[in-house]
Amino acid sequence: MDEAITRVERAAAAVDPVMAAVTPADLPRPTPCEGWDLRQLLDHFFGNLHRWAARLSGGDAGQPTPALADGGDDVENAWRNARDALLGALRRPGAVDREVALPDGRVTDSRMLVTIMPVELMLHGWDTARALGASTDLDAHLADELVEIARPLMAGAGRGSSFGEEQEAPPGCSAADRLAAFSGRRV
């Protein structure tokens, strides 16, 4: 199987236990993403997964209904639906070899999109774990790998709205904490 797809699958597996732990009572909790509570973060996250699946399938990425409202605040089910839609689209023959339209109208190779997917999966898994006060130690080997993959992608380019300025990671923190700090989260 394609290495980029394997990283997406590993990131999704690392996030599975975090999403299984979220209850409807947790949704108003603040997150590390300034101004967003957990409900807003997860609706954004799950919506992105559905949009990516649509793009990879050659469909209209549109604006899906907020996943949690649509699913009655069943986070685990909304996560599973979004994750499965993405993984299903990735596993279709030719999915990573097509061009996809980005929200700003630019067209890019879907491989670039697939390269950043595990970073977003791990980061929003990390955000969720932080909001819950749970362990942020998500797949250490993959987190280290993703920092090395993301570093050249961001070299000399703006970090965009998705990533803040790199923060210093405290000594002894987890690999996922280092990935979060690299992406601009305060650890």
Protein backbone atom coordinates (compact mmCIF):
# COMPACT_ATOMS: atom_id res chain seq x y z
CA MET A 1 0.00 0.00 0.00
CA ASP A 2 1.06 3.60 -0.61
CA GLU A 3 3.18 5.02 2.25
CA ALA A 4 1.19 8.29 2.38
CA ILE A 5 -2.09 6.39 2.76
CA THR A 6 -0.54 4.21 5.46
CA ARG A 7 0.37 7.37 7.43
CA VAL A 8 -3.25 8.57 7.18
CA GLU A 9 -4.47 5.18 8.43
CA ARG A 10 -1.97 5.23 11.31
CA ALA A 11 -3.00 8.75 12.30
CA ALA A 12 -6.69 7.78 12.25
CA ALA A 13 -5.93 4.74 14.42
CA ALA A 14 -4.00 6.94 16.88
CA VAL A 15 -6.98 9.27 17.17
CA ASP A 16 -9.62 6.51 17.53
CA PRO A 17 -9.31 6.16 21.34
CA VAL A 18 -9.42 9.92 21.85
CA MET A 19 -12.67 10.25 19.88
CA ALA A 20 -14.16 7.25 21.70
CA ALA A 21 -13.61 9.09 24.99
CA VAL A 22 -15.56 12.25 24.04
CA THR A 23 -19.07 12.53 25.47
CA PRO A 24 -21.77 15.09 24.63
CA ALA A 25 -21.07 16.73 28.01
CA ASP A 26 -17.49 17.42 26.83
CA LEU A 27 -18.52 19.42 23.75
CA PRO A 28 -18.56 22.87 25.43
CA ARG A 29 -14.99 22.42 26.74
CA PRO A 30 -12.40 24.93 25.50
CA THR A 31 -9.69 23.68 23.14
CA PRO A 32 -6.13 24.81 22.39
CA CYS A 33 -7.58 26.45 19.25
CA GLU A 34 -8.37 29.96 20.46
CA GLY A 35 -12.06 30.78 20.40
CA TRP A 36 -13.18 27.24 19.59
CA ASP A 37 -14.92 24.88 21.93
CA LEU A 38 -14.71 21.14 21.36
CA ARG A 39 -17.97 21.05 19.37
CA GLN A 40 -16.69 23.68 16.92
CA LEU A 41 -13.32 21.97 16.60
CA LEU A 42 -14.84 18.55 15.93
CA ASP A 43 -17.39 19.90 13.44
CA HIS A 44 -14.50 21.59 11.60
CA PHE A 45 -12.36 18.45 11.79
CA PHE A 46 -15.03 15.98 10.71
CA GLY A 47 -16.22 18.38 8.00
CA ASN A 48 -12.67 18.52 6.61
CA LEU A 49 -12.52 14.73 6.45
CA HIS A 50 -15.81 14.61 4.53
CA ARG A 51 -14.63 17.38 2.17
CA TRP A 52 -11.33 15.59 1.55
CA ALA A 53 -13.21 12.37 0.80
CA ALA A 54 -15.40 14.22 -1.71
CA ARG A 55 -12.38 15.83 -3.38
CA LEU A 56 -10.53 12.52 -3.63
CA SER A 57 -13.62 10.93 -5.14
CA GLY A 58 -13.93 13.70 -7.73
CA GLY A 59 -17.13 15.03 -6.16
CA ASP A 60 -18.29 18.38 -4.87
CA ALA A 61 -16.59 19.16 -1.57
CA GLY A 62 -19.27 21.70 -0.60
CA GLN A 63 -20.08 22.53 2.98
CA PRO A 64 -21.44 19.47 4.83
CA THR A 65 -23.94 19.74 7.64
CA PRO A 66 -22.08 19.99 10.96
CA ALA A 67 -21.34 16.34 11.76
CA LEU A 68 -22.28 16.52 15.42
CA ALA A 69 -25.60 18.27 14.91
CA ASP A 70 -26.39 15.81 12.14
CA GLY A 71 -25.46 12.86 14.38
CA GLY A 72 -27.15 13.95 17.60
CA ASP A 73 -23.85 14.74 19.35
CA ASP A 74 -22.66 11.13 19.03
CA VAL A 75 -18.97 11.97 18.64
CA GLU A 76 -17.74 8.44 18.22
CA ASN A 77 -20.25 7.73 15.44
CA ALA A 78 -19.60 11.09 13.71
CA TRP A 79 -15.86 10.39 13.89
CA ARG A 80 -16.26 6.88 12.52
CA ASN A 81 -18.40 8.15 9.61
CA ALA A 82 -15.90 10.90 8.72
CA ARG A 83 -12.87 8.63 9.14
CA ASP A 84 -14.41 5.83 7.11
CA ALA A 85 -15.45 8.22 4.31
CA LEU A 86 -11.89 9.51 4.08
CA LEU A 87 -10.20 6.11 4.24
CA GLY A 88 -12.66 4.67 1.74
CA ALA A 89 -11.93 7.50 -0.71
CA LEU A 90 -8.17 7.10 -0.22
CA ARG A 91 -8.30 3.39 -0.97
CA ARG A 92 -10.02 3.85 -4.34
CA PRO A 93 -7.70 3.19 -7.28
CA GLY A 94 -6.14 6.41 -8.54
CA ALA A 95 -7.32 8.57 -5.63
CA VAL A 96 -3.86 9.89 -4.85
CA ASP A 97 -3.03 10.48 -8.50
CA ARG A 98 -5.74 12.96 -9.42
CA GLU A 99 -5.91 16.74 -9.30
CA VAL A 100 -8.20 18.26 -6.69
CA ALA A 101 -9.68 21.73 -6.29
CA LEU A 102 -8.83 23.58 -3.09
CA PRO A 103 -11.29 25.89 -1.31
CA ASP A 104 -9.45 28.96 -2.67
CA GLY A 105 -9.97 27.75 -6.24
CA ARG A 106 -6.42 26.54 -6.84
CA VAL A 107 -5.90 23.04 -8.17
CA THR A 108 -3.27 20.75 -6.68
CA ASP A 109 -2.10 17.19 -6.90
CA SER A 110 -4.07 15.06 -4.44
CA ARG A 111 -0.78 13.62 -3.16
CA MET A 112 -0.04 16.98 -1.49
CA LEU A 113 -3.42 16.81 0.22
CA VAL A 114 -2.73 13.24 1.34
CA THR A 115 0.65 14.34 2.70
CA ILE A 116 -0.94 16.88 5.06
CA MET A 117 -3.91 14.72 6.11
CA PRO A 118 -2.11 12.78 8.86
CA VAL A 119 -0.80 16.06 10.29
CA GLU A 120 -4.33 17.41 10.61
CA LEU A 121 -5.59 14.12 12.03
CA MET A 122 -2.88 14.04 14.68
CA LEU A 123 -3.20 17.74 15.53
CA HIS A 124 -6.94 17.68 16.00
CA GLY A 125 -6.62 14.43 17.91
CA TRP A 126 -4.07 16.20 20.11
CA ASP A 127 -6.38 19.25 20.47
CA THR A 128 -9.20 16.94 21.54
CA ALA A 129 -7.04 15.05 24.03
CA ARG A 130 -5.89 18.37 25.52
CA ALA A 131 -9.50 19.57 25.82
CA LEU A 132 -10.36 16.36 27.66
CA GLY A 133 -7.29 16.51 29.91
CA ALA A 134 -6.28 13.11 28.46
CA SER A 135 -2.90 11.83 27.36
CA THR A 136 -1.53 13.49 24.25
CA ASP A 137 0.95 10.69 23.64
CA LEU A 138 -0.38 9.68 20.22
CA ASP A 139 1.75 7.35 18.03
CA ALA A 140 5.19 8.71 18.87
CA HIS A 141 6.93 7.30 15.81
CA LEU A 142 4.33 8.77 13.44
CA ALA A 143 4.37 12.16 15.20
CA ASP A 144 8.16 12.39 14.79
CA GLU A 145 7.84 11.33 11.14
CA LEU A 146 5.19 14.00 10.50
CA VAL A 147 7.36 16.80 11.89
CA GLU A 148 10.09 15.77 9.46
CA ILE A 149 7.61 15.65 6.57
CA ALA A 150 5.99 18.99 7.45
CA ARG A 151 9.21 20.92 8.06
CA PRO A 152 10.27 21.20 4.37
CA LEU A 153 6.66 21.83 3.29
CA MET A 154 6.60 24.95 5.46
CA ALA A 155 10.16 26.10 4.84
CA GLY A 156 10.19 29.55 3.31
CA ALA A 157 6.42 29.57 2.94
CA GLY A 158 3.75 31.15 5.07
CA ARG A 159 2.29 28.83 7.64
CA GLY A 160 -1.22 29.89 6.62
CA SER A 161 -4.22 30.01 8.91
CA SER A 162 -3.82 26.37 9.92
CA PHE A 163 -0.43 26.75 11.58
CA GLY A 164 0.91 29.36 13.94
CA GLU A 165 4.54 30.15 14.53
CA GLU A 166 6.51 27.19 15.83
CA GLN A 167 6.58 27.07 19.63
CA GLU A 168 9.26 25.64 21.86
CA ALA A 169 8.39 22.15 23.06
CA PRO A 170 9.17 21.51 26.72
CA PRO A 171 11.92 18.97 27.48
CA GLY A 172 10.62 15.45 27.92
CA CYS A 173 7.28 16.06 26.21
CA SER A 174 5.67 13.47 23.95
CA ALA A 175 6.35 13.32 20.21
CA ALA A 176 2.76 14.42 19.55
CA ASP A 177 3.40 17.43 21.82
CA ARG A 178 6.44 18.26 19.68
CA LEU A 179 4.28 18.03 16.54
CA ALA A 180 1.73 20.32 18.17
CA ALA A 181 4.44 22.82 19.15
CA PHE A 182 5.89 22.70 15.64
CA SER A 183 2.41 23.56 14.35
CA GLY A 184 2.07 26.55 16.65
CA ARG A 185 0.23 25.05 19.62
CA ARG A 186 1.38 25.96 23.10
CA VAL A 187 2.32 22.73 24.84
